[in-house]
Amino acid sequence: MYRCPACGHCQEMLCGVGDSKYQCFHCNKKFAEQEFEEAKRERTVVVCANCAREVTLLPSTFGIAGLGFICSDCSNYVAVLYGTHFINPSTVLTVDWNPTVYRRGESMPSGLSFVVCKTMKDFLVLKVLQAIVKEEDSRFLFGRPNEQEAGLLLDSERRKYLGFLVWTEADYAVLRQIFIIEDERRKGFAEQMVTFWVGHHADRLNESFGIEAPNEKALSLHLKLGHIKAQGDSYVGVSASECRASNRRASNLLSGSRLRFQLPRRVYTSMQIFPDLDR
């Protein structure tokens, strides 16, 4: 390690900035190479659960998303940051690590719970789940907790997170991301979660809501729920009366909701159903 002569910060490498000067990553001051003293520091080494490679917890292995440390061989997260501590990602996804979700969850007709993210632990669970999406599709963008709302789909009986939903709120709600973990797909959970969100969150703001750049799977979901219909080369939102006529089950839950946006008929390969607009 190299110790900065000004602030004492230690870093594993030196970065040249011209004129034979090297910059401290902590205080940003520049010095000649010989001014940096060699220093010994204890390092934490963990074993990647995916490929068994040893990963040293250093700035160079810390992911740019700010979630935690990544194995350079397989891109698996080996430790995530919670406050000043590092935790095994699998521990974060253990529901008992965040036990308040059991009492804070909003009950759904199916017996599941929808937990609106409020605490640091909630948002860390969300980010770990989003990291799973990132593994499936490298184009996925993590959400912004200060600008977006989020909810976790919880099966309390099995003590298991099934997925998540992310949205924004202004004059009306806009559905940004929806995700169900791989082994729980094709069981109707996405349909249940979207229907609950519309009836208990989107409708509180406005009888209309938006969805963001849906892929083919999302379009099929909203067609099934009666939110949209095909019209030429586009999909358009369905009014309350049309929704009642085309999907009685949906009309009982949607309170007359309709979509605001015309949705181009496109095929997306991304597993992120609602990619971020602000790329």
Protein backbone atom coordinates (compact mmCIF):
# COMPACT_ATOMS: atom_id res chain seq x y z
CA MET A 1 0.00 0.00 0.00
CA TYR A 2 1.05 3.62 -0.50
CA ARG A 3 0.48 6.21 2.25
CA CYS A 4 -0.31 9.80 1.27
CA PRO A 5 2.18 12.26 2.85
CA ALA A 6 -0.60 14.81 3.38
CA CYS A 7 -3.62 12.94 4.75
CA GLY A 8 -2.18 9.52 5.60
CA HIS A 9 -4.69 7.68 3.43
CA CYS A 10 -3.43 4.35 2.08
CA GLN A 11 -4.17 3.15 -1.42
CA GLU A 12 -3.15 0.05 -3.33
CA MET A 13 -1.87 1.84 -6.42
CA LEU A 14 -0.57 5.21 -7.60
CA CYS A 15 -2.22 7.15 -10.38
CA GLY A 16 0.02 9.39 -12.46
CA VAL A 17 -1.39 12.82 -13.33
CA GLY A 18 1.50 14.28 -15.33
CA ASP A 19 4.74 16.08 -14.45
CA SER A 20 5.89 12.93 -12.61
CA LYS A 21 3.22 13.57 -9.98
CA TYR A 22 0.83 11.06 -8.44
CA GLN A 23 -2.55 11.83 -6.90
CA CYS A 24 -4.01 10.73 -3.59
CA PHE A 25 -7.49 9.30 -4.13
CA HIS A 26 -8.62 10.67 -0.76
CA CYS A 27 -7.43 14.29 -0.57
CA ASN A 28 -6.66 14.72 -4.31
CA LYS A 29 -3.27 16.31 -3.59
CA LYS A 30 -0.35 15.50 -5.89
CA PHE A 31 3.15 14.38 -4.93
CA ALA A 32 6.23 12.76 -6.39
CA GLU A 33 6.29 8.98 -6.23
CA GLN A 34 9.04 8.86 -3.59
CA GLU A 35 6.95 10.99 -1.24
CA PHE A 36 4.43 8.17 -0.84
CA GLU A 37 5.61 5.80 1.89
CA GLU A 38 5.09 2.07 1.66
CA ALA A 39 2.62 0.86 4.26
CA LYS A 40 1.31 -2.50 5.43
CA ARG A 41 -2.40 -2.89 6.03
CA GLU A 42 -4.54 -5.86 7.00
CA ARG A 43 -6.75 -7.01 4.17
CA THR A 44 -10.02 -8.91 4.29
CA VAL A 45 -10.24 -11.78 1.84
CA VAL A 46 -13.47 -13.62 1.06
CA VAL A 47 -14.27 -16.56 -1.18
CA CYS A 48 -16.72 -16.04 -4.03
CA ALA A 49 -19.70 -18.36 -3.60
CA ASN A 50 -20.12 -18.58 -7.36
CA CYS A 51 -16.62 -19.45 -8.65
CA ALA A 52 -14.64 -20.08 -5.42
CA ARG A 53 -12.08 -17.39 -6.28
CA GLU A 54 -10.51 -15.44 -3.41
CA VAL A 55 -11.48 -11.75 -3.53
CA THR A 56 -9.67 -9.08 -1.54
CA LEU A 57 -11.94 -6.31 -0.26
CA LEU A 58 -10.18 -3.28 -1.73
CA PRO A 59 -11.30 -0.15 -3.59
CA SER A 60 -10.35 -1.84 -6.87
CA THR A 61 -12.92 -4.60 -6.28
CA PHE A 62 -15.68 -2.25 -5.07
CA GLY A 63 -18.42 -1.98 -7.70
CA ILE A 64 -19.29 1.34 -9.32
CA ALA A 65 -22.95 0.93 -8.31
CA GLY A 66 -21.89 1.42 -4.68
CA LEU A 67 -23.48 -1.82 -3.53
CA GLY A 68 -20.39 -3.79 -2.55
CA PHE A 69 -17.41 -5.84 -3.68
CA ILE A 70 -17.41 -7.83 -6.91
CA CYS A 71 -15.49 -10.91 -8.01
CA SER A 72 -13.46 -9.93 -11.07
CA ASP A 73 -13.74 -13.44 -12.54
CA CYS A 74 -17.52 -13.91 -12.54
CA SER A 75 -18.90 -10.44 -11.57
CA ASN A 76 -20.68 -11.93 -8.56
CA TYR A 77 -21.15 -9.72 -5.49
CA VAL A 78 -19.18 -11.25 -2.62
CA ALA A 79 -20.00 -8.65 0.06
CA VAL A 80 -22.42 -5.73 0.24
CA LEU A 81 -22.10 -2.55 2.25
CA TYR A 82 -24.52 -1.86 5.11
CA GLY A 83 -23.51 1.20 7.09
CA THR A 84 -19.87 0.57 7.99
CA HIS A 85 -20.16 -3.22 7.78
CA PHE A 86 -19.92 -5.71 4.95
CA ILE A 87 -22.48 -8.49 4.73
CA ASN A 88 -22.90 -11.63 2.67
CA PRO A 89 -25.54 -10.89 -0.02
CA SER A 90 -27.36 -14.12 0.80
CA THR A 91 -27.79 -12.87 4.37
CA VAL A 92 -29.49 -9.72 3.09
CA LEU A 93 -32.02 -11.83 1.17
CA THR A 94 -32.83 -13.79 4.32
CA VAL A 95 -36.11 -12.19 5.41
CA ASP A 96 -35.34 -12.63 9.11
CA TRP A 97 -32.38 -10.24 8.66
CA ASN A 98 -35.01 -7.51 8.20
CA PRO A 99 -37.80 -8.77 10.49
CA THR A 100 -39.89 -5.58 10.56
CA VAL A 101 -41.12 -6.34 7.03
CA TYR A 102 -43.51 -8.91 8.50
CA ARG A 103 -45.53 -6.26 10.35
CA ARG A 104 -45.05 -3.44 7.83
CA GLY A 105 -46.20 -5.36 4.77
CA GLU A 106 -49.52 -4.48 3.13
CA SER A 107 -51.67 -7.60 2.89
CA MET A 108 -52.59 -8.72 -0.61
CA PRO A 109 -55.65 -10.85 -1.47
CA SER A 110 -53.37 -13.75 -2.41
CA GLY A 111 -51.89 -13.93 1.08
CA LEU A 112 -48.65 -12.29 0.00
CA SER A 113 -47.41 -8.93 1.30
CA PHE A 114 -46.28 -5.77 -0.46
CA VAL A 115 -43.63 -3.98 1.60
CA VAL A 116 -42.99 -0.35 0.67
CA CYS A 117 -39.26 0.36 1.08
CA LYS A 118 -38.64 2.80 3.94
CA THR A 119 -35.55 1.68 5.86
CA MET A 120 -31.88 1.22 4.96
CA LYS A 121 -32.37 -2.53 5.16
CA ASP A 122 -35.35 -2.39 2.79
CA PHE A 123 -33.35 -0.52 0.17
CA LEU A 124 -30.38 -2.84 0.57
CA VAL A 125 -32.66 -5.83 -0.10
CA LEU A 126 -33.92 -3.97 -3.17
CA LYS A 127 -30.38 -3.30 -4.43
CA VAL A 128 -29.34 -6.94 -3.99
CA LEU A 129 -32.39 -8.03 -5.97
CA GLN A 130 -31.54 -5.42 -8.61
CA ALA A 131 -28.02 -6.88 -8.75
CA ILE A 132 -29.63 -10.17 -9.74
CA VAL A 133 -31.38 -8.36 -12.60
CA LYS A 134 -28.04 -6.80 -13.56
CA GLU A 135 -26.54 -10.28 -13.86
CA GLU A 136 -29.34 -11.26 -16.25
CA ASP A 137 -29.09 -8.06 -18.28
CA SER A 138 -26.03 -5.83 -18.15
CA ARG A 139 -28.09 -2.89 -19.47
CA PHE A 140 -30.12 -2.72 -16.28
CA LEU A 141 -29.83 0.53 -14.31
CA PHE A 142 -30.14 0.63 -10.53
CA GLY A 143 -32.90 2.82 -9.14
CA ARG A 144 -32.46 6.09 -7.28
CA PRO A 145 -33.91 5.80 -3.73
CA ASN A 146 -34.19 9.58 -3.32
CA GLU A 147 -36.28 9.93 -6.47
CA GLN A 148 -38.17 6.66 -6.76
CA GLU A 149 -40.55 4.60 -4.66
CA ALA A 150 -40.14 0.86 -4.36
CA GLY A 151 -41.92 -2.15 -2.92
CA LEU A 152 -40.85 -5.72 -2.15
CA LEU A 153 -43.09 -8.70 -2.82
CA LEU A 154 -42.93 -10.96 0.22
CA ASP A 155 -44.18 -14.46 0.90
CA SER A 156 -44.29 -14.39 4.71
CA GLU A 157 -45.26 -18.05 5.05
CA ARG A 158 -42.21 -19.20 3.12
CA ARG A 159 -40.08 -16.29 4.44
CA LYS A 160 -38.99 -15.40 0.94
CA TYR A 161 -38.71 -12.29 -1.23
CA LEU A 162 -40.34 -12.96 -4.59
CA GLY A 163 -39.51 -9.74 -6.42
CA PHE A 164 -39.87 -5.98 -6.44
CA LEU A 165 -41.58 -3.05 -8.14
CA VAL A 166 -40.22 0.49 -8.62
CA TRP A 167 -42.24 3.58 -9.50
CA THR A 168 -42.23 7.37 -9.39
CA GLU A 169 -44.94 9.73 -8.21
CA ALA A 170 -45.90 13.19 -9.47
CA ASP A 171 -49.31 14.13 -10.87
CA TYR A 172 -49.69 10.42 -11.55
CA ALA A 173 -47.65 7.30 -10.87
CA VAL A 174 -45.27 5.80 -13.43
CA LEU A 175 -44.29 2.15 -13.19
CA ARG A 176 -40.52 1.94 -13.83
CA GLN A 177 -39.32 -1.56 -12.98
CA ILE A 178 -40.88 -4.89 -12.09
CA PHE A 179 -39.01 -8.09 -11.36
CA ILE A 180 -39.81 -11.61 -10.16
CA ILE A 181 -36.95 -13.95 -9.20
CA GLU A 182 -36.30 -16.75 -11.67
CA ASP A 183 -37.66 -19.72 -9.72
CA GLU A 184 -40.94 -17.91 -8.95
CA ARG A 185 -41.84 -16.86 -12.49
CA ARG A 186 -44.90 -18.05 -14.45
CA LYS A 187 -46.91 -18.33 -11.23
CA GLY A 188 -48.93 -15.12 -11.60
CA PHE A 189 -46.93 -13.10 -9.05
CA ALA A 190 -46.15 -10.24 -11.45
CA GLU A 191 -49.85 -9.93 -12.28
CA GLN A 192 -50.80 -9.91 -8.59
CA MET A 193 -48.17 -7.34 -7.68
CA VAL A 194 -49.04 -4.92 -10.51
CA THR A 195 -52.77 -5.22 -9.80
CA PHE A 196 -52.22 -4.51 -6.10
CA TRP A 197 -49.92 -1.57 -6.86
CA VAL A 198 -52.45 0.00 -9.21
CA GLY A 199 -55.32 -0.34 -6.76
CA HIS A 200 -53.47 0.73 -3.61
CA HIS A 201 -50.80 3.18 -4.82
CA ALA A 202 -51.31 4.46 -8.37
CA ASP A 203 -55.03 5.11 -7.94
CA ARG A 204 -54.39 7.23 -4.85
CA LEU A 205 -52.70 9.83 -7.06
CA ASN A 206 -54.73 9.74 -10.25
CA GLU A 207 -57.13 7.51 -12.16
CA SER A 208 -54.41 7.33 -14.81
CA PHE A 209 -50.94 5.86 -14.51
CA GLY A 210 -47.96 5.41 -16.83
CA ILE A 211 -45.61 2.58 -17.63
CA GLU A 212 -42.07 3.09 -18.85
CA ALA A 213 -40.74 1.47 -22.04
CA PRO A 214 -42.24 -1.99 -21.48
CA ASN A 215 -40.84 -5.06 -23.17
CA GLU A 216 -42.87 -7.83 -24.78
CA LYS A 217 -43.48 -9.64 -21.49
CA ALA A 218 -44.75 -6.45 -19.87
CA LEU A 219 -47.03 -5.72 -22.79
CA SER A 220 -48.51 -9.21 -22.52
CA LEU A 221 -49.04 -8.65 -18.79
CA HIS A 222 -50.85 -5.33 -19.29
CA LEU A 223 -52.93 -6.75 -22.13
CA LYS A 224 -54.01 -9.57 -19.83
CA LEU A 225 -54.91 -7.12 -17.07
CA GLY A 226 -56.90 -4.99 -19.48
CA HIS A 227 -54.71 -1.90 -19.09
CA ILE A 228 -53.90 -1.60 -22.80
CA LYS A 229 -55.12 -2.69 -26.20
CA ALA A 230 -53.42 -2.98 -29.59
CA GLN A 231 -54.25 -0.20 -32.02
CA GLY A 232 -52.38 -0.31 -35.30
CA ASP A 233 -48.65 -0.25 -34.62
CA SER A 234 -49.09 1.00 -31.07
CA TYR A 235 -50.59 -0.01 -27.78
CA VAL A 236 -52.90 2.50 -26.15
CA GLY A 237 -54.37 2.84 -22.68
CA VAL A 238 -57.83 1.43 -22.03
CA SER A 239 -60.54 3.58 -20.46
CA ALA A 240 -62.47 2.45 -17.41
CA SER A 241 -65.58 1.44 -19.38
CA GLU A 242 -63.51 -0.53 -21.92
CA CYS A 243 -61.64 -2.20 -19.07
CA ARG A 244 -64.91 -3.35 -17.51
CA ALA A 245 -66.09 -4.71 -20.83
CA SER A 246 -62.89 -6.55 -21.69
CA ASN A 247 -61.72 -7.75 -18.28
CA ARG A 248 -64.28 -7.87 -15.49
CA ARG A 249 -61.81 -9.20 -12.96
CA ALA A 250 -59.43 -6.33 -13.62
CA SER A 251 -62.19 -3.70 -13.45
CA ASN A 252 -63.04 -4.72 -9.90
CA LEU A 253 -59.47 -3.99 -8.82
CA LEU A 254 -58.31 -1.10 -10.98
CA SER A 255 -60.87 1.56 -9.99
CA GLY A 256 -61.06 2.80 -13.56
CA SER A 257 -57.35 3.21 -14.09
CA ARG A 258 -55.99 3.77 -17.59
CA LEU A 259 -52.58 4.32 -19.11
CA ARG A 260 -51.38 7.73 -20.19
CA PHE A 261 -48.71 6.78 -22.71
CA GLN A 262 -48.82 5.37 -26.19
CA LEU A 263 -46.52 2.39 -26.14
CA PRO A 264 -44.62 1.50 -29.32
CA ARG A 265 -44.94 -2.14 -30.30
CA ARG A 266 -41.35 -3.23 -29.92
CA VAL A 267 -39.65 -6.42 -28.81
CA TYR A 268 -37.16 -6.02 -25.95
CA THR A 269 -34.79 -8.77 -24.93
CA SER A 270 -34.10 -7.22 -21.54
CA MET A 271 -35.32 -8.97 -18.42
CA GLN A 272 -35.80 -5.52 -16.95
CA ILE A 273 -39.42 -4.96 -17.80
CA PHE A 274 -39.31 -1.22 -17.32
CA PRO A 275 -35.84 0.16 -18.19
CA ASP A 276 -34.85 3.58 -16.95
CA LEU A 277 -35.73 6.57 -19.15
CA ASP A 278 -32.72 8.62 -18.09
CA ARG A 279 -29.98 6.61 -19.77
